[in-house]
């Protein structure tokens, strides 16, 4: 089974434009560095019903297809942080204070008190409230946070145990990039190192001028039929500063399959009265 990777980005501040999302391009970069590729992304505001529905789909994809989904944001303990509760609701389980998360959060509070030259008061009301950041759906396991020790968590839709590499899973990290990105890297290297480079990906394309997509569609269909391991893509542009109106036509997939299909693409273009521009390799 080929595992797919997805990302969910949660927060009103993204949808309102108060903050620009950085998680999507960074996740693509982190996956690409390991020979992996992002298959889909969802953006969700701070709406508990929508978050729950989105997470339910993610858990189903992890259970049924082995998908690996990263969820960024909303795992704090303020009134507008709903992700932990929605994850539990989507799984049909209760929230509970994770013992390892409890220890890490208390350790962090102790560090802060020491840095500020104050006594450590674990039973102070605000410190007790901070433990809510360690309440996760029953059966969850932690994702270590190298920035401030406050962990994320992951869980499987298929059982009450931690997600296995074979079953896929949903991995919850904070919205802060400085925390989220190393945590995503930890997941990829710790749980999915066996997939690195096994799904190596490449693209080869050529700039086609003087043609319409409808004219090239039969060639695209023929190529995908002859080379089922690749996807043929067409990216039209009407006002490119260098090429003007053109189509970038190419194939993408595993390198060996792309290398076999791309010459067939070029050969197929020769029957059309079109001008070919630069060839691109990614």
C-alpha atoms as a PDB file:
ATOM      1  CA  UNK A   1       0.000   0.000   0.000  1.00  0.00           C
ATOM      2  CA  UNK A   2       1.370   3.415  -0.993  1.00  0.00           C
ATOM      3  CA  UNK A   3       0.921   5.769   1.929  1.00  0.00           C
ATOM      4  CA  UNK A   4      -0.266   9.299   1.201  1.00  0.00           C
ATOM      5  CA  UNK A   5       0.625  12.388   3.199  1.00  0.00           C
ATOM      6  CA  UNK A   6      -1.795  15.167   4.079  1.00  0.00           C
ATOM      7  CA  UNK A   7      -1.815  18.317   6.181  1.00  0.00           C
ATOM      8  CA  UNK A   8      -4.583  20.147   8.043  1.00  0.00           C
ATOM      9  CA  UNK A   9      -4.015  23.795   8.984  1.00  0.00           C
ATOM     10  CA  UNK A  10      -6.341  25.110  11.683  1.00  0.00           C
ATOM     11  CA  UNK A  11      -7.037  28.670  12.754  1.00  0.00           C
ATOM     12  CA  UNK A  12      -9.204  31.696  12.053  1.00  0.00           C
ATOM     13  CA  UNK A  13      -6.074  33.838  11.778  1.00  0.00           C
ATOM     14  CA  UNK A  14      -5.112  32.013   8.570  1.00  0.00           C
ATOM     15  CA  UNK A  15      -8.517  32.315   6.937  1.00  0.00           C
ATOM     16  CA  UNK A  16      -8.881  35.982   7.912  1.00  0.00           C
ATOM     17  CA  UNK A  17      -5.472  36.874   6.528  1.00  0.00           C
ATOM     18  CA  UNK A  18      -4.075  38.077   9.871  1.00  0.00           C
ATOM     19  CA  UNK A  19      -1.308  35.542   9.443  1.00  0.00           C
ATOM     20  CA  UNK A  20       0.048  33.983   6.277  1.00  0.00           C
ATOM     21  CA  UNK A  21       0.233  30.203   6.329  1.00  0.00           C
ATOM     22  CA  UNK A  22       3.785  28.870   6.298  1.00  0.00           C
ATOM     23  CA  UNK A  23       2.992  25.256   7.147  1.00  0.00           C
ATOM     24  CA  UNK A  24       1.939  24.127   3.679  1.00  0.00           C
ATOM     25  CA  UNK A  25       5.150  25.104   1.825  1.00  0.00           C
ATOM     26  CA  UNK A  26       7.316  23.869   4.713  1.00  0.00           C
ATOM     27  CA  UNK A  27       5.559  20.501   4.849  1.00  0.00           C
ATOM     28  CA  UNK A  28       6.070  20.133   1.102  1.00  0.00           C
ATOM     29  CA  UNK A  29       9.756  20.967   1.619  1.00  0.00           C
ATOM     30  CA  UNK A  30      10.222  18.524   4.511  1.00  0.00           C
ATOM     31  CA  UNK A  31       8.557  15.717   2.587  1.00  0.00           C
ATOM     32  CA  UNK A  32      10.454  16.493  -0.611  1.00  0.00           C
ATOM     33  CA  UNK A  33      13.780  16.337   1.212  1.00  0.00           C
ATOM     34  CA  UNK A  34      12.930  12.726   2.047  1.00  0.00           C
ATOM     35  CA  UNK A  35      11.712  11.722  -1.395  1.00  0.00           C
ATOM     36  CA  UNK A  36       8.059  12.001  -0.340  1.00  0.00           C
ATOM     37  CA  UNK A  37       5.171  14.105  -1.642  1.00  0.00           C
ATOM     38  CA  UNK A  38       2.157  15.866  -0.142  1.00  0.00           C
ATOM     39  CA  UNK A  39      -1.128  14.559  -1.547  1.00  0.00           C
ATOM     40  CA  UNK A  40      -3.681  16.963  -0.043  1.00  0.00           C
ATOM     41  CA  UNK A  41      -4.232  19.872   2.333  1.00  0.00           C
ATOM     42  CA  UNK A  42      -7.222  21.250   4.258  1.00  0.00           C
ATOM     43  CA  UNK A  43      -7.696  24.678   5.846  1.00  0.00           C
ATOM     44  CA  UNK A  44     -10.185  24.948   8.713  1.00  0.00           C
ATOM     45  CA  UNK A  45     -11.181  27.863  10.925  1.00  0.00           C
ATOM     46  CA  UNK A  46     -11.819  27.681  14.657  1.00  0.00           C
ATOM     47  CA  UNK A  47     -15.168  25.951  14.219  1.00  0.00           C
ATOM     48  CA  UNK A  48     -15.476  22.808  16.367  1.00  0.00           C
ATOM     49  CA  UNK A  49     -17.981  21.085  14.084  1.00  0.00           C
ATOM     50  CA  UNK A  50     -15.854  21.594  10.987  1.00  0.00           C
ATOM     51  CA  UNK A  51     -12.663  20.619  12.801  1.00  0.00           C
ATOM     52  CA  UNK A  52     -14.302  17.426  14.073  1.00  0.00           C
ATOM     53  CA  UNK A  53     -15.588  16.525  10.614  1.00  0.00           C
ATOM     54  CA  UNK A  54     -12.202  17.219   9.033  1.00  0.00           C
ATOM     55  CA  UNK A  55     -10.381  15.121  11.629  1.00  0.00           C
ATOM     56  CA  UNK A  56     -12.909  12.297  11.254  1.00  0.00           C
ATOM     57  CA  UNK A  57     -12.043  12.151   7.538  1.00  0.00           C
ATOM     58  CA  UNK A  58      -8.343  12.182   8.393  1.00  0.00           C
ATOM     59  CA  UNK A  59      -8.702   9.317  10.869  1.00  0.00           C
ATOM     60  CA  UNK A  60     -10.719   7.336   8.325  1.00  0.00           C
ATOM     61  CA  UNK A  61      -8.016   7.890   5.690  1.00  0.00           C
ATOM     62  CA  UNK A  62      -5.362   6.760   8.170  1.00  0.00           C
ATOM     63  CA  UNK A  63      -7.362   3.665   9.092  1.00  0.00           C
ATOM     64  CA  UNK A  64      -8.566   2.652   5.639  1.00  0.00           C
ATOM     65  CA  UNK A  65      -5.676   3.754   3.437  1.00  0.00           C
ATOM     66  CA  UNK A  66      -2.669   4.196   5.727  1.00  0.00           C
ATOM     67  CA  UNK A  67      -2.549   7.977   5.238  1.00  0.00           C
ATOM     68  CA  UNK A  68      -0.196  10.080   7.340  1.00  0.00           C
ATOM     69  CA  UNK A  69      -1.839  13.413   8.227  1.00  0.00           C
ATOM     70  CA  UNK A  70      -0.298  16.347  10.081  1.00  0.00           C
ATOM     71  CA  UNK A  71      -2.628  18.717  11.920  1.00  0.00           C
ATOM     72  CA  UNK A  72      -1.147  22.133  12.720  1.00  0.00           C
ATOM     73  CA  UNK A  73      -2.652  24.430  15.341  1.00  0.00           C
ATOM     74  CA  UNK A  74      -5.270  24.588  18.061  1.00  0.00           C
ATOM     75  CA  UNK A  75      -3.709  22.245  20.632  1.00  0.00           C
ATOM     76  CA  UNK A  76      -3.172  24.888  23.309  1.00  0.00           C
ATOM     77  CA  UNK A  77      -5.389  25.461  26.338  1.00  0.00           C
ATOM     78  CA  UNK A  78      -7.077  28.793  25.553  1.00  0.00           C
ATOM     79  CA  UNK A  79     -10.831  29.012  24.858  1.00  0.00           C
ATOM     80  CA  UNK A  80     -10.311  29.143  21.070  1.00  0.00           C
ATOM     81  CA  UNK A  81      -8.174  25.977  20.993  1.00  0.00           C
ATOM     82  CA  UNK A  82     -10.501  23.134  20.025  1.00  0.00           C
ATOM     83  CA  UNK A  83      -8.281  20.589  18.281  1.00  0.00           C
ATOM     84  CA  UNK A  84      -7.667  18.219  21.187  1.00  0.00           C
ATOM     85  CA  UNK A  85     -11.357  18.048  22.055  1.00  0.00           C
ATOM     86  CA  UNK A  86     -12.376  17.636  18.408  1.00  0.00           C
ATOM     87  CA  UNK A  87      -9.861  14.830  17.912  1.00  0.00           C
ATOM     88  CA  UNK A  88     -11.336  12.934  20.852  1.00  0.00           C
ATOM     89  CA  UNK A  89     -14.855  13.524  19.538  1.00  0.00           C
ATOM     90  CA  UNK A  90     -13.871  12.332  16.049  1.00  0.00           C
ATOM     91  CA  UNK A  91     -12.450   9.133  17.551  1.00  0.00           C
ATOM     92  CA  UNK A  92     -15.337   8.614  19.970  1.00  0.00           C
ATOM     93  CA  UNK A  93     -13.083   8.536  23.047  1.00  0.00           C
ATOM     94  CA  UNK A  94     -12.547  10.651  26.161  1.00  0.00           C
ATOM     95  CA  UNK A  95      -9.802  13.152  26.861  1.00  0.00           C
ATOM     96  CA  UNK A  96      -7.345  12.261  29.617  1.00  0.00           C
ATOM     97  CA  UNK A  97      -4.182  13.797  31.024  1.00  0.00           C
ATOM     98  CA  UNK A  98      -1.289  11.890  29.471  1.00  0.00           C
ATOM     99  CA  UNK A  99       1.210  10.958  32.216  1.00  0.00           C
ATOM    100  CA  UNK A 100       4.292  11.642  30.116  1.00  0.00           C
ATOM    101  CA  UNK A 101       2.852  14.940  28.903  1.00  0.00           C
ATOM    102  CA  UNK A 102       2.070  15.872  32.516  1.00  0.00           C
ATOM    103  CA  UNK A 103       5.688  15.275  33.523  1.00  0.00           C
ATOM    104  CA  UNK A 104       7.021  17.297  30.573  1.00  0.00           C
ATOM    105  CA  UNK A 105       4.684  20.224  31.199  1.00  0.00           C
ATOM    106  CA  UNK A 106       5.606  20.302  34.897  1.00  0.00           C
ATOM    107  CA  UNK A 107       9.260  20.169  33.915  1.00  0.00           C
ATOM    108  CA  UNK A 108       8.719  23.152  31.622  1.00  0.00           C
ATOM    109  CA  UNK A 109       6.955  25.115  34.368  1.00  0.00           C
ATOM    110  CA  UNK A 110       9.866  24.376  36.704  1.00  0.00           C
ATOM    111  CA  UNK A 111      12.312  25.658  34.062  1.00  0.00           C
ATOM    112  CA  UNK A 112      10.347  28.892  33.617  1.00  0.00           C
ATOM    113  CA  UNK A 113      10.196  29.533  37.343  1.00  0.00           C
ATOM    114  CA  UNK A 114      13.944  28.981  37.664  1.00  0.00           C
ATOM    115  CA  UNK A 115      14.677  31.293  34.702  1.00  0.00           C
ATOM    116  CA  UNK A 116      12.549  34.018  36.291  1.00  0.00           C
ATOM    117  CA  UNK A 117      14.067  33.537  39.745  1.00  0.00           C
ATOM    118  CA  UNK A 118      10.682  32.584  41.198  1.00  0.00           C
ATOM    119  CA  UNK A 119       9.636  29.612  43.349  1.00  0.00           C
ATOM    120  CA  UNK A 120       8.083  26.683  41.495  1.00  0.00           C
ATOM    121  CA  UNK A 121       4.436  26.389  42.543  1.00  0.00           C
ATOM    122  CA  UNK A 122       2.882  23.382  40.791  1.00  0.00           C
ATOM    123  CA  UNK A 123      -0.462  23.814  42.557  1.00  0.00           C
ATOM    124  CA  UNK A 124      -0.905  27.441  41.534  1.00  0.00           C
ATOM    125  CA  UNK A 125      -4.127  27.869  39.533  1.00  0.00           C
ATOM    126  CA  UNK A 126      -2.457  28.949  36.286  1.00  0.00           C
ATOM    127  CA  UNK A 127       0.029  26.078  36.455  1.00  0.00           C
ATOM    128  CA  UNK A 128      -2.769  23.574  37.008  1.00  0.00           C
ATOM    129  CA  UNK A 129      -4.551  25.056  33.964  1.00  0.00           C
ATOM    130  CA  UNK A 130      -1.423  24.544  31.848  1.00  0.00           C
ATOM    131  CA  UNK A 131      -1.757  20.797  32.361  1.00  0.00           C
ATOM    132  CA  UNK A 132      -4.769  20.935  30.025  1.00  0.00           C
ATOM    133  CA  UNK A 133      -2.231  21.092  27.188  1.00  0.00           C
ATOM    134  CA  UNK A 134      -1.424  17.465  28.046  1.00  0.00           C
ATOM    135  CA  UNK A 135      -4.986  16.152  27.890  1.00  0.00           C
ATOM    136  CA  UNK A 136      -5.146  14.009  24.767  1.00  0.00           C
ATOM    137  CA  UNK A 137      -7.577  11.439  23.366  1.00  0.00           C
ATOM    138  CA  UNK A 138      -7.261   8.129  25.202  1.00  0.00           C
ATOM    139  CA  UNK A 139      -4.639   5.950  23.530  1.00  0.00           C
ATOM    140  CA  UNK A 140      -2.617   8.852  22.151  1.00  0.00           C
ATOM    141  CA  UNK A 141       1.173   9.000  22.303  1.00  0.00           C
ATOM    142  CA  UNK A 142       3.302  12.120  22.472  1.00  0.00           C
ATOM    143  CA  UNK A 143       5.371  13.962  19.902  1.00  0.00           C
ATOM    144  CA  UNK A 144       8.367  15.575  21.624  1.00  0.00           C
ATOM    145  CA  UNK A 145       8.723  19.344  21.355  1.00  0.00           C
ATOM    146  CA  UNK A 146      12.401  20.392  21.315  1.00  0.00           C
ATOM    147  CA  UNK A 147      11.549  24.081  21.670  1.00  0.00           C
ATOM    148  CA  UNK A 148       9.752  24.210  25.019  1.00  0.00           C
ATOM    149  CA  UNK A 149       8.999  20.561  25.968  1.00  0.00           C
ATOM    150  CA  UNK A 150       5.192  20.976  25.651  1.00  0.00           C
ATOM    151  CA  UNK A 151       4.396  17.885  23.554  1.00  0.00           C
ATOM    152  CA  UNK A 152       2.108  17.268  20.639  1.00  0.00           C
ATOM    153  CA  UNK A 153       0.385  13.930  20.211  1.00  0.00           C
ATOM    154  CA  UNK A 154      -0.548  11.319  17.671  1.00  0.00           C
ATOM    155  CA  UNK A 155      -3.101   8.555  17.524  1.00  0.00           C
ATOM    156  CA  UNK A 156      -4.535   5.959  15.215  1.00  0.00           C
ATOM    157  CA  UNK A 157      -8.131   5.685  14.088  1.00  0.00           C
ATOM    158  CA  UNK A 158      -7.928   1.908  14.089  1.00  0.00           C
ATOM    159  CA  UNK A 159      -7.113   1.191  17.709  1.00  0.00           C
ATOM    160  CA  UNK A 160      -6.561   2.731  21.109  1.00  0.00           C
ATOM    161  CA  UNK A 161      -2.826   2.295  20.712  1.00  0.00           C
ATOM    162  CA  UNK A 162      -0.292   4.614  19.126  1.00  0.00           C
ATOM    163  CA  UNK A 163      -0.363   4.778  15.361  1.00  0.00           C
ATOM    164  CA  UNK A 164       1.819   2.246  13.602  1.00  0.00           C
ATOM    165  CA  UNK A 165       3.800   2.943  10.465  1.00  0.00           C
ATOM    166  CA  UNK A 166       1.670   0.417   8.588  1.00  0.00           C
ATOM    167  CA  UNK A 167      -1.671   1.878   9.742  1.00  0.00           C
ATOM    168  CA  UNK A 168      -0.787   5.518   9.261  1.00  0.00           C
ATOM    169  CA  UNK A 169      -2.028   8.095  11.733  1.00  0.00           C
ATOM    170  CA  UNK A 170      -2.894  11.690  12.495  1.00  0.00           C
ATOM    171  CA  UNK A 171      -0.147  13.786  14.092  1.00  0.00           C
ATOM    172  CA  UNK A 172      -0.986  16.939  16.044  1.00  0.00           C
ATOM    173  CA  UNK A 173       1.541  19.767  16.393  1.00  0.00           C
ATOM    174  CA  UNK A 174       1.270  23.413  17.519  1.00  0.00           C
ATOM    175  CA  UNK A 175       0.609  26.279  15.161  1.00  0.00           C
ATOM    176  CA  UNK A 176       3.967  27.909  15.909  1.00  0.00           C
ATOM    177  CA  UNK A 177       6.408  27.042  13.100  1.00  0.00           C
ATOM    178  CA  UNK A 178       9.412  27.047  15.443  1.00  0.00           C
ATOM    179  CA  UNK A 179       7.788  24.132  17.274  1.00  0.00           C
ATOM    180  CA  UNK A 180       5.741  22.456  14.564  1.00  0.00           C
ATOM    181  CA  UNK A 181       8.428  21.973  11.938  1.00  0.00           C
ATOM    182  CA  UNK A 182      10.984  20.055  14.024  1.00  0.00           C
ATOM    183  CA  UNK A 183       8.111  17.978  15.400  1.00  0.00           C
ATOM    184  CA  UNK A 184       6.989  17.064  11.875  1.00  0.00           C
ATOM    185  CA  UNK A 185      10.583  16.149  11.046  1.00  0.00           C
ATOM    186  CA  UNK A 186      10.712  13.921  14.120  1.00  0.00           C
ATOM    187  CA  UNK A 187       7.587  12.094  12.970  1.00  0.00           C
ATOM    188  CA  UNK A 188       8.921  11.588   9.454  1.00  0.00           C
ATOM    189  CA  UNK A 189      12.316  10.347  10.647  1.00  0.00           C
ATOM    190  CA  UNK A 190      11.119   8.285  13.610  1.00  0.00           C
ATOM    191  CA  UNK A 191       7.973   6.663  12.229  1.00  0.00           C
ATOM    192  CA  UNK A 192       8.391   6.801   8.458  1.00  0.00           C
ATOM    193  CA  UNK A 193      12.107   6.513   7.845  1.00  0.00           C
ATOM    194  CA  UNK A 194      11.431   3.264   5.998  1.00  0.00           C
ATOM    195  CA  UNK A 195       9.587   5.272   3.334  1.00  0.00           C
ATOM    196  CA  UNK A 196      12.365   7.763   2.655  1.00  0.00           C
ATOM    197  CA  UNK A 197      13.448   7.706  -0.987  1.00  0.00           C
ATOM    198  CA  UNK A 198      11.278   4.651  -1.669  1.00  0.00           C
ATOM    199  CA  UNK A 199       8.700   6.911  -3.243  1.00  0.00           C
ATOM    200  CA  UNK A 200      11.227   9.172  -4.979  1.00  0.00           C
ATOM    201  CA  UNK A 201       9.482  11.667  -7.200  1.00  0.00           C
ATOM    202  CA  UNK A 202      10.436  13.673 -10.268  1.00  0.00           C
ATOM    203  CA  UNK A 203       8.890  15.860 -12.940  1.00  0.00           C
ATOM    204  CA  UNK A 204       9.908  16.513 -16.531  1.00  0.00           C
ATOM    205  CA  UNK A 205       8.106  19.057 -18.672  1.00  0.00           C
ATOM    206  CA  UNK A 206       8.461  21.250 -21.723  1.00  0.00           C
ATOM    207  CA  UNK A 207       7.124  24.698 -22.608  1.00  0.00           C
ATOM    208  CA  UNK A 208       4.667  24.376 -25.517  1.00  0.00           C
ATOM    209  CA  UNK A 209       3.758  27.501 -27.484  1.00  0.00           C
ATOM    210  CA  UNK A 210       1.121  27.864 -30.151  1.00  0.00           C
ATOM    211  CA  UNK A 211      -1.322  25.229 -28.941  1.00  0.00           C
ATOM    212  CA  UNK A 212      -4.491  24.829 -26.876  1.00  0.00           C
ATOM    213  CA  UNK A 213      -5.053  22.318 -24.065  1.00  0.00           C
ATOM    214  CA  UNK A 214      -7.981  20.758 -25.914  1.00  0.00           C
ATOM    215  CA  UNK A 215      -5.679  19.979 -28.844  1.00  0.00           C
ATOM    216  CA  UNK A 216      -3.176  18.213 -26.592  1.00  0.00           C
ATOM    217  CA  UNK A 217      -5.720  16.321 -24.462  1.00  0.00           C
ATOM    218  CA  UNK A 218      -5.785  13.165 -26.645  1.00  0.00           C
ATOM    219  CA  UNK A 219      -1.989  12.919 -26.333  1.00  0.00           C
ATOM    220  CA  UNK A 220      -2.245  13.301 -22.552  1.00  0.00           C
ATOM    221  CA  UNK A 221      -4.869  10.557 -22.315  1.00  0.00           C
ATOM    222  CA  UNK A 222      -2.796   8.249 -24.518  1.00  0.00           C
ATOM    223  CA  UNK A 223       0.341   8.790 -22.419  1.00  0.00           C
ATOM    224  CA  UNK A 224      -1.418   7.960 -19.148  1.00  0.00           C
ATOM    225  CA  UNK A 225      -2.891   4.829 -20.729  1.00  0.00           C
ATOM    226  CA  UNK A 226       0.540   3.688 -21.996  1.00  0.00           C
ATOM    227  CA  UNK A 227       2.359   4.688 -18.798  1.00  0.00           C
ATOM    228  CA  UNK A 228      -0.034   4.097 -15.879  1.00  0.00           C
ATOM    229  CA  UNK A 229       2.701   4.853 -13.331  1.00  0.00           C
ATOM    230  CA  UNK A 230       2.867   8.555 -14.228  1.00  0.00           C
ATOM    231  CA  UNK A 231       0.541  11.535 -14.186  1.00  0.00           C
ATOM    232  CA  UNK A 232       0.460  13.885 -17.152  1.00  0.00           C
ATOM    233  CA  UNK A 233      -0.031  17.532 -16.235  1.00  0.00           C
ATOM    234  CA  UNK A 234      -0.841  20.679 -18.173  1.00  0.00           C
ATOM    235  CA  UNK A 235      -0.255  24.164 -16.744  1.00  0.00           C
ATOM    236  CA  UNK A 236      -1.473  26.914 -19.091  1.00  0.00           C
ATOM    237  CA  UNK A 237      -0.373  30.530 -18.766  1.00  0.00           C
ATOM    238  CA  UNK A 238      -1.734  33.549 -20.621  1.00  0.00           C
ATOM    239  CA  UNK A 239       0.648  36.316 -19.551  1.00  0.00           C
ATOM    240  CA  UNK A 240       4.015  34.838 -18.655  1.00  0.00           C
ATOM    241  CA  UNK A 241       6.685  37.598 -18.730  1.00  0.00           C
ATOM    242  CA  UNK A 242       9.105  35.430 -20.732  1.00  0.00           C
ATOM    243  CA  UNK A 243       7.046  32.942 -22.759  1.00  0.00           C
ATOM    244  CA  UNK A 244       3.740  34.796 -23.110  1.00  0.00           C
ATOM    245  CA  UNK A 245       0.772  32.516 -23.771  1.00  0.00           C
ATOM    246  CA  UNK A 246       1.974  28.915 -23.417  1.00  0.00           C
ATOM    247  CA  UNK A 247       1.396  25.530 -21.813  1.00  0.00           C
ATOM    248  CA  UNK A 248       3.831  23.710 -19.583  1.00  0.00           C
ATOM    249  CA  UNK A 249       3.193  20.060 -20.463  1.00  0.00           C
ATOM    250  CA  UNK A 250       4.871  17.295 -18.526  1.00  0.00           C
ATOM    251  CA  UNK A 251       4.849  14.008 -16.657  1.00  0.00           C
ATOM    252  CA  UNK A 252       5.439  13.326 -12.965  1.00  0.00           C
ATOM    253  CA  UNK A 253       5.927  10.258 -10.804  1.00  0.00           C
ATOM    254  CA  UNK A 254       8.667   7.797  -9.939  1.00  0.00           C
ATOM    255  CA  UNK A 255      11.920   8.708 -11.736  1.00  0.00           C
ATOM    256  CA  UNK A 256      12.184   5.478 -13.758  1.00  0.00           C
ATOM    257  CA  UNK A 257       8.613   5.791 -15.002  1.00  0.00           C
ATOM    258  CA  UNK A 258       9.024   9.483 -15.788  1.00  0.00           C
ATOM    259  CA  UNK A 259      12.196   8.742 -17.743  1.00  0.00           C
ATOM    260  CA  UNK A 260      10.265   6.219 -19.838  1.00  0.00           C
ATOM    261  CA  UNK A 261       7.217   8.416 -20.452  1.00  0.00           C
ATOM    262  CA  UNK A 262       8.874  11.753 -21.160  1.00  0.00           C
ATOM    263  CA  UNK A 263      10.465  10.774 -24.523  1.00  0.00           C
ATOM    264  CA  UNK A 264       7.039   9.518 -25.594  1.00  0.00           C
ATOM    265  CA  UNK A 265       5.596  12.916 -24.674  1.00  0.00           C
ATOM    266  CA  UNK A 266       8.160  14.734 -26.838  1.00  0.00           C
ATOM    267  CA  UNK A 267       7.621  12.320 -29.717  1.00  0.00           C
ATOM    268  CA  UNK A 268       3.877  12.855 -29.510  1.00  0.00           C
ATOM    269  CA  UNK A 269       4.288  16.625 -29.680  1.00  0.00           C
ATOM    270  CA  UNK A 270       6.165  16.409 -32.980  1.00  0.00           C
ATOM    271  CA  UNK A 271       2.937  15.631 -34.855  1.00  0.00           C
ATOM    272  CA  UNK A 272       1.523  19.029 -33.825  1.00  0.00           C
ATOM    273  CA  UNK A 273       2.553  22.298 -35.422  1.00  0.00           C
ATOM    274  CA  UNK A 274       3.820  23.807 -32.191  1.00  0.00           C
ATOM    275  CA  UNK A 275       6.985  25.525 -31.039  1.00  0.00           C
ATOM    276  CA  UNK A 276       8.752  23.919 -28.073  1.00  0.00           C
ATOM    277  CA  UNK A 277      10.569  26.032 -25.516  1.00  0.00           C
ATOM    278  CA  UNK A 278      12.830  25.036 -22.614  1.00  0.00           C
ATOM    279  CA  UNK A 279      12.620  21.649 -20.956  1.00  0.00           C
ATOM    280  CA  UNK A 280      12.249  21.625 -17.151  1.00  0.00           C
ATOM    281  CA  UNK A 281      13.332  18.969 -14.643  1.00  0.00           C
ATOM    282  CA  UNK A 282      12.305  18.972 -10.962  1.00  0.00           C
END
